[in-house]
Amino acid sequence: MFLLATLACTSPDDAADDSTSTGPDSDSVAPGPSGDPATVELAGDCPLEERVGGFQVSIYEDYSLVQGAVADAVVPIAVLEQVANEGECRLLRRNNPHCDPACASGFTCDFDGECIDYPANQDLGSVKLLGLDQVVVMDPVQPGNSYFDTSLPHPAFSQGQLIELRATEGWSGAWDLHGVGSEILVPGSLEGVISGGEDLQVTWQAPPEGARSHLQLKLNIDQHGTSPVSVLCELEDDGQGSVPGSLIQALVAYGVSGFPSASLSRRTVDQVRLELAEGGCFDLVVDTPVHIDVDVLGFTPCKDSDDCPDDQTCNLELEICQ
């Protein structure tokens, strides 16, 4: 996960004295984003097997932020295996590579059972975010070469607003990524509870005609599984969608543990490809994500046995009543 921290807005002079400072640069003179929000190319998400990182510009309920990091290789555990798909949805499994003996600090296990250097986040130089009320300039924060700014105006963008993220130097050279702002996502509901064999319906407030956004739905009901499986759907942003019952049935069959998690994200995505020996890609997501409460029929999550029906106790390791 990307590092988040709350920082005070700093002036350009302060930033010169502190390489970890970020914030809107009100004195910056820079051209606005290049392109037309109605036609600018948006290349979409990076494939998981090539994705080495990315940036997000997000509007949450109480704040807006930009955050990101780009590594020199793909983290093996981040490459999810597709075990089923139907329509706009996929069932993805996280596999945990095994190395014997276990890898030392600073290394990770690949899927060949070999210890490799853990991918390291890289210094991309100063990165500029254009298209907001002010130019936002971010320098890499140490340790870890992460980028973030939590002092964006809130909400950071509006429907149809063109956004550009740009770098001119650093490990990845010069590049630019685009996004188009959207209306804040207002979810409707997930109809009923998750149960095997039945389609799961989801609704939300549709955007104005001509919006560039799409909807991403994530669903995870196995928080503590050794190889947890989740649902990922890429939906048209038209106000309604569904997860096929066959995938719901398969998801439940893989296991249920912990507190179910579901999220919706209205988003646009662009990507940059790198000239790395094994390929490489990072992206820019401009989104308005929201969390949705879900239940799984026949399963009760718990923190202690007081959360359980009278005839069950809480399995604390799995956080599920049994």
C-alpha atoms as a PDB file:
ATOM      1  CA  MET A   1       0.000   0.000   0.000  1.00  0.00           C
ATOM      2  CA  PHE A   2       1.084   3.553  -0.624  1.00  0.00           C
ATOM      3  CA  LEU A   3       2.149   5.607   2.397  1.00  0.00           C
ATOM      4  CA  LEU A   4      -0.291   8.318   3.468  1.00  0.00           C
ATOM      5  CA  ALA A   5       0.564  11.196   5.763  1.00  0.00           C
ATOM      6  CA  THR A   6      -0.940  14.578   6.589  1.00  0.00           C
ATOM      7  CA  LEU A   7       1.366  17.439   5.669  1.00  0.00           C
ATOM      8  CA  ALA A   8       1.037  21.192   5.995  1.00  0.00           C
ATOM      9  CA  CYS A   9       1.055  23.175   2.766  1.00  0.00           C
ATOM     10  CA  THR A  10       4.590  24.361   2.085  1.00  0.00           C
ATOM     11  CA  SER A  11       5.983  27.188   0.016  1.00  0.00           C
ATOM     12  CA  PRO A  12       8.427  26.584  -2.867  1.00  0.00           C
ATOM     13  CA  ASP A  13      11.264  27.990  -0.709  1.00  0.00           C
ATOM     14  CA  ASP A  14      10.432  25.569   2.101  1.00  0.00           C
ATOM     15  CA  ALA A  15      10.382  22.696  -0.373  1.00  0.00           C
ATOM     16  CA  ALA A  16      13.866  23.656  -1.541  1.00  0.00           C
ATOM     17  CA  ASP A  17      15.092  23.263   2.028  1.00  0.00           C
ATOM     18  CA  ASP A  18      13.247  19.970   2.669  1.00  0.00           C
ATOM     19  CA  SER A  19      13.279  17.345  -0.060  1.00  0.00           C
ATOM     20  CA  THR A  20      10.402  15.504   1.623  1.00  0.00           C
ATOM     21  CA  SER A  21       7.997  18.442   1.371  1.00  0.00           C
ATOM     22  CA  THR A  22       5.005  18.327  -0.954  1.00  0.00           C
ATOM     23  CA  GLY A  23       2.050  20.555  -1.619  1.00  0.00           C
ATOM     24  CA  PRO A  24       0.437  22.960  -4.095  1.00  0.00           C
ATOM     25  CA  ASP A  25       3.046  25.250  -5.637  1.00  0.00           C
ATOM     26  CA  SER A  26       1.135  28.509  -6.019  1.00  0.00           C
ATOM     27  CA  ASP A  27       4.092  30.295  -7.648  1.00  0.00           C
ATOM     28  CA  SER A  28       4.662  27.639 -10.317  1.00  0.00           C
ATOM     29  CA  VAL A  29       4.269  28.797 -13.898  1.00  0.00           C
ATOM     30  CA  ALA A  30       3.367  25.804 -16.042  1.00  0.00           C
ATOM     31  CA  PRO A  31       1.078  25.170 -18.984  1.00  0.00           C
ATOM     32  CA  GLY A  32      -2.200  23.460 -18.243  1.00  0.00           C
ATOM     33  CA  PRO A  33      -2.986  19.881 -19.187  1.00  0.00           C
ATOM     34  CA  SER A  34      -2.580  19.048 -22.872  1.00  0.00           C
ATOM     35  CA  GLY A  35      -5.549  17.627 -24.737  1.00  0.00           C
ATOM     36  CA  ASP A  36      -9.334  17.612 -24.769  1.00  0.00           C
ATOM     37  CA  PRO A  37     -11.078  15.757 -21.907  1.00  0.00           C
ATOM     38  CA  ALA A  38     -13.602  14.382 -24.393  1.00  0.00           C
ATOM     39  CA  THR A  39     -10.979  12.806 -26.654  1.00  0.00           C
ATOM     40  CA  VAL A  40      -7.668  12.519 -24.763  1.00  0.00           C
ATOM     41  CA  GLU A  41      -6.303   8.982 -25.002  1.00  0.00           C
ATOM     42  CA  LEU A  42      -6.786   6.897 -21.859  1.00  0.00           C
ATOM     43  CA  ALA A  43      -4.851   3.647 -22.207  1.00  0.00           C
ATOM     44  CA  GLY A  44      -6.460   1.843 -19.252  1.00  0.00           C
ATOM     45  CA  ASP A  45      -5.091  -0.324 -16.450  1.00  0.00           C
ATOM     46  CA  CYS A  46      -1.702  -2.013 -16.601  1.00  0.00           C
ATOM     47  CA  PRO A  47      -1.806  -5.827 -16.735  1.00  0.00           C
ATOM     48  CA  LEU A  48      -1.039  -7.186 -13.256  1.00  0.00           C
ATOM     49  CA  GLU A  49       1.893  -9.218 -14.527  1.00  0.00           C
ATOM     50  CA  GLU A  50       3.542  -6.011 -15.815  1.00  0.00           C
ATOM     51  CA  ARG A  51       2.416  -3.440 -13.247  1.00  0.00           C
ATOM     52  CA  VAL A  52       5.269  -1.914 -11.245  1.00  0.00           C
ATOM     53  CA  GLY A  53       3.233   0.802  -9.534  1.00  0.00           C
ATOM     54  CA  GLY A  54       1.148   3.849 -10.224  1.00  0.00           C
ATOM     55  CA  PHE A  55      -0.513   7.011  -8.981  1.00  0.00           C
ATOM     56  CA  GLN A  56      -4.007   7.819  -7.766  1.00  0.00           C
ATOM     57  CA  VAL A  57      -5.875  11.123  -7.556  1.00  0.00           C
ATOM     58  CA  SER A  58      -8.858  10.341  -5.353  1.00  0.00           C
ATOM     59  CA  ILE A  59     -11.843  12.051  -3.768  1.00  0.00           C
ATOM     60  CA  TYR A  60     -12.972  10.471  -0.501  1.00  0.00           C
ATOM     61  CA  GLU A  61     -15.861  11.627   1.679  1.00  0.00           C
ATOM     62  CA  ASP A  62     -13.880  14.137   3.744  1.00  0.00           C
ATOM     63  CA  TYR A  63     -10.684  14.766   1.793  1.00  0.00           C
ATOM     64  CA  SER A  64      -8.875  14.463  -1.535  1.00  0.00           C
ATOM     65  CA  LEU A  65      -5.342  13.225  -2.151  1.00  0.00           C
ATOM     66  CA  VAL A  66      -2.740  12.177  -4.684  1.00  0.00           C
ATOM     67  CA  GLN A  67      -0.375   9.298  -3.918  1.00  0.00           C
ATOM     68  CA  GLY A  68       1.913   6.953  -5.785  1.00  0.00           C
ATOM     69  CA  ALA A  69       5.109   4.971  -6.157  1.00  0.00           C
ATOM     70  CA  VAL A  70       6.856   3.110  -8.982  1.00  0.00           C
ATOM     71  CA  ALA A  71       9.228   0.177  -8.447  1.00  0.00           C
ATOM     72  CA  ASP A  72      11.938  -1.351 -10.626  1.00  0.00           C
ATOM     73  CA  ALA A  73      10.134  -4.695 -10.965  1.00  0.00           C
ATOM     74  CA  VAL A  74       6.816  -6.432 -10.375  1.00  0.00           C
ATOM     75  CA  VAL A  75       6.118  -7.689  -6.841  1.00  0.00           C
ATOM     76  CA  PRO A  76       5.360 -11.409  -7.389  1.00  0.00           C
ATOM     77  CA  ILE A  77       2.550 -11.635  -4.822  1.00  0.00           C
ATOM     78  CA  ALA A  78       0.714  -8.776  -6.584  1.00  0.00           C
ATOM     79  CA  VAL A  79       0.195 -10.914  -9.709  1.00  0.00           C
ATOM     80  CA  LEU A  80      -3.216 -12.503  -9.193  1.00  0.00           C
ATOM     81  CA  GLU A  81      -4.279 -15.689 -10.954  1.00  0.00           C
ATOM     82  CA  GLN A  82      -7.562 -15.639 -12.880  1.00  0.00           C
ATOM     83  CA  VAL A  83      -9.486 -18.778 -11.912  1.00  0.00           C
ATOM     84  CA  ALA A  84     -12.801 -17.942 -13.606  1.00  0.00           C
ATOM     85  CA  ASN A  85     -14.504 -15.187 -15.564  1.00  0.00           C
ATOM     86  CA  GLU A  86     -17.970 -14.392 -16.862  1.00  0.00           C
ATOM     87  CA  GLY A  87     -19.247 -11.252 -18.517  1.00  0.00           C
ATOM     88  CA  GLU A  88     -17.589  -8.184 -17.018  1.00  0.00           C
ATOM     89  CA  CYS A  89     -16.315  -9.982 -13.915  1.00  0.00           C
ATOM     90  CA  ARG A  90     -13.288 -12.103 -13.018  1.00  0.00           C
ATOM     91  CA  LEU A  91     -12.480 -14.349 -10.086  1.00  0.00           C
ATOM     92  CA  LEU A  92      -8.887 -13.709  -9.001  1.00  0.00           C
ATOM     93  CA  ARG A  93      -6.733 -15.679  -6.572  1.00  0.00           C
ATOM     94  CA  ARG A  94      -3.709 -14.424  -4.680  1.00  0.00           C
ATOM     95  CA  ASN A  95      -1.022 -17.093  -4.603  1.00  0.00           C
ATOM     96  CA  ASN A  96       1.790 -17.001  -2.068  1.00  0.00           C
ATOM     97  CA  PRO A  97       5.163 -18.094  -3.476  1.00  0.00           C
ATOM     98  CA  HIS A  98       7.091 -20.459  -1.206  1.00  0.00           C
ATOM     99  CA  CYS A  99      10.849 -20.465  -0.721  1.00  0.00           C
ATOM    100  CA  ASP A 100      12.722 -22.949   1.495  1.00  0.00           C
ATOM    101  CA  PRO A 101      14.635 -21.637   3.310  1.00  0.00           C
ATOM    102  CA  ALA A 102      12.658 -18.428   3.713  1.00  0.00           C
ATOM    103  CA  CYS A 103      14.074 -15.318   2.070  1.00  0.00           C
ATOM    104  CA  ALA A 104      16.165 -12.883   4.089  1.00  0.00           C
ATOM    105  CA  SER A 105      15.166  -9.289   4.742  1.00  0.00           C
ATOM    106  CA  GLY A 106      15.216  -7.236   1.539  1.00  0.00           C
ATOM    107  CA  PHE A 107      14.337 -10.221  -0.648  1.00  0.00           C
ATOM    108  CA  THR A 108      11.080 -11.843  -1.739  1.00  0.00           C
ATOM    109  CA  CYS A 109      10.118 -15.213  -3.143  1.00  0.00           C
ATOM    110  CA  ASP A 110       9.200 -15.581  -6.819  1.00  0.00           C
ATOM    111  CA  PHE A 111       6.972 -18.258  -8.317  1.00  0.00           C
ATOM    112  CA  ASP A 112       9.981 -20.385  -9.216  1.00  0.00           C
ATOM    113  CA  GLY A 113      10.765 -20.724  -5.511  1.00  0.00           C
ATOM    114  CA  GLU A 114      13.813 -18.466  -5.760  1.00  0.00           C
ATOM    115  CA  CYS A 115      14.655 -15.499  -3.538  1.00  0.00           C
ATOM    116  CA  ILE A 116      14.985 -12.274  -5.505  1.00  0.00           C
ATOM    117  CA  ASP A 117      15.657  -8.669  -4.550  1.00  0.00           C
ATOM    118  CA  TYR A 118      12.443  -7.069  -3.290  1.00  0.00           C
ATOM    119  CA  PRO A 119      11.396  -4.508  -5.936  1.00  0.00           C
ATOM    120  CA  ALA A 120      12.550  -1.055  -4.876  1.00  0.00           C
ATOM    121  CA  ASN A 121      10.571   2.162  -5.414  1.00  0.00           C
ATOM    122  CA  GLN A 122      12.436   4.538  -7.687  1.00  0.00           C
ATOM    123  CA  ASP A 123      13.194   8.275  -7.730  1.00  0.00           C
ATOM    124  CA  LEU A 124      11.122   9.688 -10.610  1.00  0.00           C
ATOM    125  CA  GLY A 125      12.284  13.258  -9.976  1.00  0.00           C
ATOM    126  CA  SER A 126       9.781  16.051  -9.413  1.00  0.00           C
ATOM    127  CA  VAL A 127       6.280  15.068 -10.531  1.00  0.00           C
ATOM    128  CA  LYS A 128       3.710  17.745 -11.396  1.00  0.00           C
ATOM    129  CA  LEU A 129      -0.056  17.394 -11.185  1.00  0.00           C
ATOM    130  CA  LEU A 130      -1.785  19.803 -13.570  1.00  0.00           C
ATOM    131  CA  GLY A 131      -5.427  20.686 -14.044  1.00  0.00           C
ATOM    132  CA  LEU A 132      -6.399  21.538 -10.461  1.00  0.00           C
ATOM    133  CA  ASP A 133      -6.737  25.087  -9.127  1.00  0.00           C
ATOM    134  CA  GLN A 134      -2.977  25.095  -8.512  1.00  0.00           C
ATOM    135  CA  VAL A 135      -0.039  23.154  -9.875  1.00  0.00           C
ATOM    136  CA  VAL A 136       0.925  20.456  -7.364  1.00  0.00           C
ATOM    137  CA  VAL A 137       4.616  19.561  -7.285  1.00  0.00           C
ATOM    138  CA  MET A 138       5.727  16.385  -5.526  1.00  0.00           C
ATOM    139  CA  ASP A 139       9.255  15.209  -4.802  1.00  0.00           C
ATOM    140  CA  PRO A 140      10.045  11.665  -3.634  1.00  0.00           C
ATOM    141  CA  VAL A 141       9.715  11.212   0.114  1.00  0.00           C
ATOM    142  CA  GLN A 142      12.386   9.152   1.872  1.00  0.00           C
ATOM    143  CA  PRO A 143      12.736   6.453   2.829  1.00  0.00           C
ATOM    144  CA  GLY A 144      10.977   4.610   0.046  1.00  0.00           C
ATOM    145  CA  ASN A 145      10.622   7.099  -2.833  1.00  0.00           C
ATOM    146  CA  SER A 146       6.890   7.534  -2.275  1.00  0.00           C
ATOM    147  CA  TYR A 147       4.892  10.484  -3.570  1.00  0.00           C
ATOM    148  CA  PHE A 148       1.851  11.997  -1.879  1.00  0.00           C
ATOM    149  CA  ASP A 149      -0.038  15.182  -1.121  1.00  0.00           C
ATOM    150  CA  THR A 150      -3.011  15.330   1.227  1.00  0.00           C
ATOM    151  CA  SER A 151      -3.466  19.109   1.001  1.00  0.00           C
ATOM    152  CA  LEU A 152      -5.359  19.123  -2.299  1.00  0.00           C
ATOM    153  CA  PRO A 153      -8.477  21.267  -2.548  1.00  0.00           C
ATOM    154  CA  HIS A 154     -11.548  19.193  -1.707  1.00  0.00           C
ATOM    155  CA  PRO A 155     -13.165  17.954  -3.827  1.00  0.00           C
ATOM    156  CA  ALA A 156     -10.055  17.880  -6.003  1.00  0.00           C
ATOM    157  CA  PHE A 157     -11.832  17.724  -9.362  1.00  0.00           C
ATOM    158  CA  SER A 158     -15.230  17.908 -11.022  1.00  0.00           C
ATOM    159  CA  GLN A 159     -17.040  16.202 -13.884  1.00  0.00           C
ATOM    160  CA  GLY A 160     -15.163  16.512 -17.183  1.00  0.00           C
ATOM    161  CA  GLN A 161     -12.062  18.183 -15.708  1.00  0.00           C
ATOM    162  CA  LEU A 162      -8.854  17.245 -17.549  1.00  0.00           C
ATOM    163  CA  ILE A 163      -5.988  16.188 -15.259  1.00  0.00           C
ATOM    164  CA  GLU A 164      -2.376  15.527 -16.217  1.00  0.00           C
ATOM    165  CA  LEU A 165       0.499  14.019 -14.243  1.00  0.00           C
ATOM    166  CA  ARG A 166       3.885  14.869 -15.709  1.00  0.00           C
ATOM    167  CA  ALA A 167       7.570  14.139 -15.096  1.00  0.00           C
ATOM    168  CA  THR A 168      10.575  15.337 -17.086  1.00  0.00           C
ATOM    169  CA  GLU A 169      13.480  13.526 -15.433  1.00  0.00           C
ATOM    170  CA  GLY A 170      14.304  10.750 -13.023  1.00  0.00           C
ATOM    171  CA  TRP A 171      14.549   6.951 -13.229  1.00  0.00           C
ATOM    172  CA  SER A 172      11.694   6.609 -15.730  1.00  0.00           C
ATOM    173  CA  GLY A 173      12.603   9.617 -17.883  1.00  0.00           C
ATOM    174  CA  ALA A 174       9.992  12.028 -19.263  1.00  0.00           C
ATOM    175  CA  TRP A 175       6.347  10.941 -19.349  1.00  0.00           C
ATOM    176  CA  ASP A 176       2.807  12.209 -18.946  1.00  0.00           C
ATOM    177  CA  LEU A 177      -0.422  10.543 -17.893  1.00  0.00           C
ATOM    178  CA  HIS A 178      -3.982  11.818 -18.195  1.00  0.00           C
ATOM    179  CA  GLY A 179      -7.245  11.432 -16.371  1.00  0.00           C
ATOM    180  CA  VAL A 180     -10.694  12.958 -16.570  1.00  0.00           C
ATOM    181  CA  GLY A 181     -12.572  13.994 -13.455  1.00  0.00           C
ATOM    182  CA  SER A 182     -15.989  12.587 -12.710  1.00  0.00           C
ATOM    183  CA  GLU A 183     -18.916  13.266 -10.434  1.00  0.00           C
ATOM    184  CA  ILE A 184     -18.604  11.931  -6.901  1.00  0.00           C
ATOM    185  CA  LEU A 185     -19.940   8.394  -6.848  1.00  0.00           C
ATOM    186  CA  VAL A 186     -23.293   7.968  -5.089  1.00  0.00           C
ATOM    187  CA  PRO A 187     -23.977   4.247  -4.585  1.00  0.00           C
ATOM    188  CA  GLY A 188     -27.443   2.784  -4.484  1.00  0.00           C
ATOM    189  CA  SER A 189     -27.287  -0.685  -2.985  1.00  0.00           C
ATOM    190  CA  LEU A 190     -26.149  -4.240  -3.225  1.00  0.00           C
ATOM    191  CA  GLU A 191     -29.547  -5.953  -3.341  1.00  0.00           C
ATOM    192  CA  GLY A 192     -29.825  -8.574  -0.594  1.00  0.00           C
ATOM    193  CA  VAL A 193     -26.880 -10.561   0.740  1.00  0.00           C
ATOM    194  CA  ILE A 194     -24.259 -12.672  -0.980  1.00  0.00           C
ATOM    195  CA  SER A 195     -25.548 -16.189  -1.471  1.00  0.00           C
ATOM    196  CA  GLY A 196     -24.359 -19.000  -3.701  1.00  0.00           C
ATOM    197  CA  GLY A 197     -25.960 -19.238  -7.146  1.00  0.00           C
ATOM    198  CA  GLU A 198     -27.756 -15.871  -7.208  1.00  0.00           C
ATOM    199  CA  ASP A 199     -26.638 -12.831  -9.196  1.00  0.00           C
ATOM    200  CA  LEU A 200     -25.509  -9.952  -7.005  1.00  0.00           C
ATOM    201  CA  GLN A 201     -27.114  -6.711  -8.157  1.00  0.00           C
ATOM    202  CA  VAL A 202     -25.508  -3.314  -7.606  1.00  0.00           C
ATOM    203  CA  THR A 203     -26.835   0.154  -8.410  1.00  0.00           C
ATOM    204  CA  TRP A 204     -25.486   3.698  -8.324  1.00  0.00           C
ATOM    205  CA  GLN A 205     -26.317   7.169  -9.599  1.00  0.00           C
ATOM    206  CA  ALA A 206     -25.346   7.386 -13.278  1.00  0.00           C
ATOM    207  CA  PRO A 207     -23.119  10.279 -14.476  1.00  0.00           C
ATOM    208  CA  PRO A 208     -24.055  12.864 -17.136  1.00  0.00           C
ATOM    209  CA  GLU A 209     -24.109  11.708 -20.747  1.00  0.00           C
ATOM    210  CA  GLY A 210     -20.656  11.626 -22.341  1.00  0.00           C
ATOM    211  CA  ALA A 211     -18.728  10.831 -19.145  1.00  0.00           C
ATOM    212  CA  ARG A 212     -15.418   9.003 -19.736  1.00  0.00           C
ATOM    213  CA  SER A 213     -15.577   7.008 -16.494  1.00  0.00           C
ATOM    214  CA  HIS A 214     -16.263   3.350 -15.807  1.00  0.00           C
ATOM    215  CA  LEU A 215     -17.080   1.522 -12.564  1.00  0.00           C
ATOM    216  CA  GLN A 216     -14.844  -0.986 -10.817  1.00  0.00           C
ATOM    217  CA  LEU A 217     -16.366  -3.328  -8.236  1.00  0.00           C
ATOM    218  CA  LYS A 218     -14.156  -5.290  -5.824  1.00  0.00           C
ATOM    219  CA  LEU A 219     -15.538  -7.990  -3.547  1.00  0.00           C
ATOM    220  CA  ASN A 220     -13.571 -10.001  -0.962  1.00  0.00           C
ATOM    221  CA  ILE A 221     -15.229 -12.366   1.531  1.00  0.00           C
ATOM    222  CA  ASP A 222     -12.134 -14.391   2.522  1.00  0.00           C
ATOM    223  CA  GLN A 223      -9.922 -12.010   4.481  1.00  0.00           C
ATOM    224  CA  HIS A 224      -7.809 -14.675   6.201  1.00  0.00           C
ATOM    225  CA  GLY A 225      -7.503 -17.421   3.597  1.00  0.00           C
ATOM    226  CA  THR A 226      -4.063 -18.744   2.714  1.00  0.00           C
ATOM    227  CA  SER A 227      -4.851 -18.150  -0.983  1.00  0.00           C
ATOM    228  CA  PRO A 228      -7.832 -15.777  -0.882  1.00  0.00           C
ATOM    229  CA  VAL A 229     -10.046 -15.328  -3.914  1.00  0.00           C
ATOM    230  CA  SER A 230     -11.839 -12.094  -4.799  1.00  0.00           C
ATOM    231  CA  VAL A 231     -14.166 -10.756  -7.491  1.00  0.00           C
ATOM    232  CA  LEU A 232     -13.182  -7.862  -9.758  1.00  0.00           C
ATOM    233  CA  CYS A 233     -15.737  -6.398 -12.183  1.00  0.00           C
ATOM    234  CA  GLU A 234     -15.235  -3.642 -14.745  1.00  0.00           C
ATOM    235  CA  LEU A 235     -18.703  -2.180 -15.353  1.00  0.00           C
ATOM    236  CA  GLU A 236     -20.194   0.392 -17.698  1.00  0.00           C
ATOM    237  CA  ASP A 237     -20.952   3.596 -15.784  1.00  0.00           C
ATOM    238  CA  ASP A 238     -24.674   3.457 -16.506  1.00  0.00           C
ATOM    239  CA  GLY A 239     -26.082   3.097 -13.003  1.00  0.00           C
ATOM    240  CA  GLN A 240     -26.483  -0.652 -12.685  1.00  0.00           C
ATOM    241  CA  GLY A 241     -24.551  -3.897 -12.927  1.00  0.00           C
ATOM    242  CA  SER A 242     -24.355  -7.400 -11.531  1.00  0.00           C
ATOM    243  CA  VAL A 243     -21.977 -10.150 -10.520  1.00  0.00           C
ATOM    244  CA  PRO A 244     -23.013 -13.470 -12.128  1.00  0.00           C
ATOM    245  CA  GLY A 245     -24.353 -16.065  -9.717  1.00  0.00           C
ATOM    246  CA  SER A 246     -21.867 -18.664 -10.977  1.00  0.00           C
ATOM    247  CA  LEU A 247     -18.956 -16.498  -9.811  1.00  0.00           C
ATOM    248  CA  ILE A 248     -20.672 -15.783  -6.480  1.00  0.00           C
ATOM    249  CA  GLN A 249     -21.130 -19.520  -5.945  1.00  0.00           C
ATOM    250  CA  ALA A 250     -17.470 -20.171  -6.748  1.00  0.00           C
ATOM    251  CA  LEU A 251     -16.359 -17.286  -4.510  1.00  0.00           C
ATOM    252  CA  VAL A 252     -18.241 -18.678  -1.492  1.00  0.00           C
ATOM    253  CA  ALA A 253     -16.925 -22.187  -2.205  1.00  0.00           C
ATOM    254  CA  TYR A 254     -13.320 -20.963  -1.969  1.00  0.00           C
ATOM    255  CA  GLY A 255     -13.903 -19.838   1.615  1.00  0.00           C
ATOM    256  CA  VAL A 256     -15.397 -17.181   3.882  1.00  0.00           C
ATOM    257  CA  SER A 257     -13.478 -15.557   6.746  1.00  0.00           C
ATOM    258  CA  GLY A 258     -13.309 -12.196   8.448  1.00  0.00           C
ATOM    259  CA  PHE A 259     -15.453  -9.184   7.621  1.00  0.00           C
ATOM    260  CA  PRO A 260     -16.644  -9.041   3.990  1.00  0.00           C
ATOM    261  CA  SER A 261     -15.315  -6.095   2.030  1.00  0.00           C
ATOM    262  CA  ALA A 262     -16.787  -4.454  -1.063  1.00  0.00           C
ATOM    263  CA  SER A 263     -15.907  -1.235  -2.847  1.00  0.00           C
ATOM    264  CA  LEU A 264     -17.039   0.705  -5.888  1.00  0.00           C
ATOM    265  CA  SER A 265     -14.813   3.133  -7.747  1.00  0.00           C
ATOM    266  CA  ARG A 266     -15.814   5.534 -10.530  1.00  0.00           C
ATOM    267  CA  ARG A 267     -12.583   5.999 -12.440  1.00  0.00           C
ATOM    268  CA  THR A 268     -10.543   6.761 -15.514  1.00  0.00           C
ATOM    269  CA  VAL A 269      -7.139   5.123 -16.041  1.00  0.00           C
ATOM    270  CA  ASP A 270      -4.121   5.851 -18.229  1.00  0.00           C
ATOM    271  CA  GLN A 271      -0.785   4.029 -18.399  1.00  0.00           C
ATOM    272  CA  VAL A 272       2.886   4.390 -19.330  1.00  0.00           C
ATOM    273  CA  ARG A 273       5.018   1.451 -20.486  1.00  0.00           C
ATOM    274  CA  LEU A 274       8.680   1.194 -19.508  1.00  0.00           C
ATOM    275  CA  GLU A 275      11.661  -0.224 -21.346  1.00  0.00           C
ATOM    276  CA  LEU A 276      12.554  -2.881 -18.782  1.00  0.00           C
ATOM    277  CA  ALA A 277      14.035  -6.297 -19.497  1.00  0.00           C
ATOM    278  CA  GLU A 278      10.888  -8.041 -18.228  1.00  0.00           C
ATOM    279  CA  GLY A 279       8.462  -5.314 -19.248  1.00  0.00           C
ATOM    280  CA  GLY A 280       6.967  -2.753 -16.953  1.00  0.00           C
ATOM    281  CA  CYS A 281       3.956  -0.485 -16.748  1.00  0.00           C
ATOM    282  CA  PHE A 282       2.576   2.094 -14.323  1.00  0.00           C
ATOM    283  CA  ASP A 283      -0.720   3.952 -14.392  1.00  0.00           C
ATOM    284  CA  LEU A 284      -2.733   6.931 -13.211  1.00  0.00           C
ATOM    285  CA  VAL A 285      -6.154   6.360 -11.659  1.00  0.00           C
ATOM    286  CA  VAL A 286      -8.460   9.355 -11.185  1.00  0.00           C
ATOM    287  CA  ASP A 287     -11.342   8.111  -9.058  1.00  0.00           C
ATOM    288  CA  THR A 288     -14.045   8.557  -6.467  1.00  0.00           C
ATOM    289  CA  PRO A 289     -14.077   5.312  -4.408  1.00  0.00           C
ATOM    290  CA  VAL A 290     -16.701   4.290  -1.846  1.00  0.00           C
ATOM    291  CA  HIS A 291     -17.021   1.350   0.563  1.00  0.00           C
ATOM    292  CA  ILE A 292     -20.179  -0.769   0.545  1.00  0.00           C
ATOM    293  CA  ASP A 293     -21.382  -2.974   3.412  1.00  0.00           C
ATOM    294  CA  VAL A 294     -22.043  -6.588   2.433  1.00  0.00           C
ATOM    295  CA  ASP A 295     -23.152  -9.766   4.209  1.00  0.00           C
ATOM    296  CA  VAL A 296     -22.692 -13.421   3.303  1.00  0.00           C
ATOM    297  CA  LEU A 297     -25.723 -15.643   3.868  1.00  0.00           C
ATOM    298  CA  GLY A 298     -25.055 -18.192   6.610  1.00  0.00           C
ATOM    299  CA  PHE A 299     -21.817 -16.600   7.870  1.00  0.00           C
ATOM    300  CA  THR A 300     -21.371 -14.174  10.769  1.00  0.00           C
ATOM    301  CA  PRO A 301     -18.077 -12.264  11.112  1.00  0.00           C
ATOM    302  CA  CYS A 302     -16.889 -11.596  14.656  1.00  0.00           C
ATOM    303  CA  LYS A 303     -14.307 -10.037  16.948  1.00  0.00           C
ATOM    304  CA  ASP A 304     -15.405 -12.093  19.961  1.00  0.00           C
ATOM    305  CA  SER A 305     -18.130 -14.596  20.821  1.00  0.00           C
ATOM    306  CA  ASP A 306     -20.535 -11.830  21.828  1.00  0.00           C
ATOM    307  CA  ASP A 307     -20.924 -11.145  18.094  1.00  0.00           C
ATOM    308  CA  CYS A 308     -22.113 -14.715  17.432  1.00  0.00           C
ATOM    309  CA  PRO A 309     -25.493 -16.485  17.669  1.00  0.00           C
ATOM    310  CA  ASP A 310     -26.093 -18.334  20.936  1.00  0.00           C
ATOM    311  CA  ASP A 311     -25.105 -21.714  19.497  1.00  0.00           C
ATOM    312  CA  GLN A 312     -21.775 -20.504  18.010  1.00  0.00           C
ATOM    313  CA  THR A 313     -18.454 -19.134  19.211  1.00  0.00           C
ATOM    314  CA  CYS A 314     -15.957 -16.841  17.494  1.00  0.00           C
ATOM    315  CA  ASN A 315     -12.990 -18.399  15.734  1.00  0.00           C
ATOM    316  CA  LEU A 316     -10.617 -15.529  16.508  1.00  0.00           C
ATOM    317  CA  GLU A 317      -8.038 -16.605  13.957  1.00  0.00           C
ATOM    318  CA  LEU A 318     -10.551 -16.559  11.101  1.00  0.00           C
ATOM    319  CA  GLU A 319     -12.878 -13.934  12.640  1.00  0.00           C
ATOM    320  CA  ILE A 320     -15.929 -16.021  11.807  1.00  0.00           C
ATOM    321  CA  CYS A 321     -18.634 -17.564  14.031  1.00  0.00           C
ATOM    322  CA  GLN A 322     -18.649 -21.369  14.003  1.00  0.00           C
END
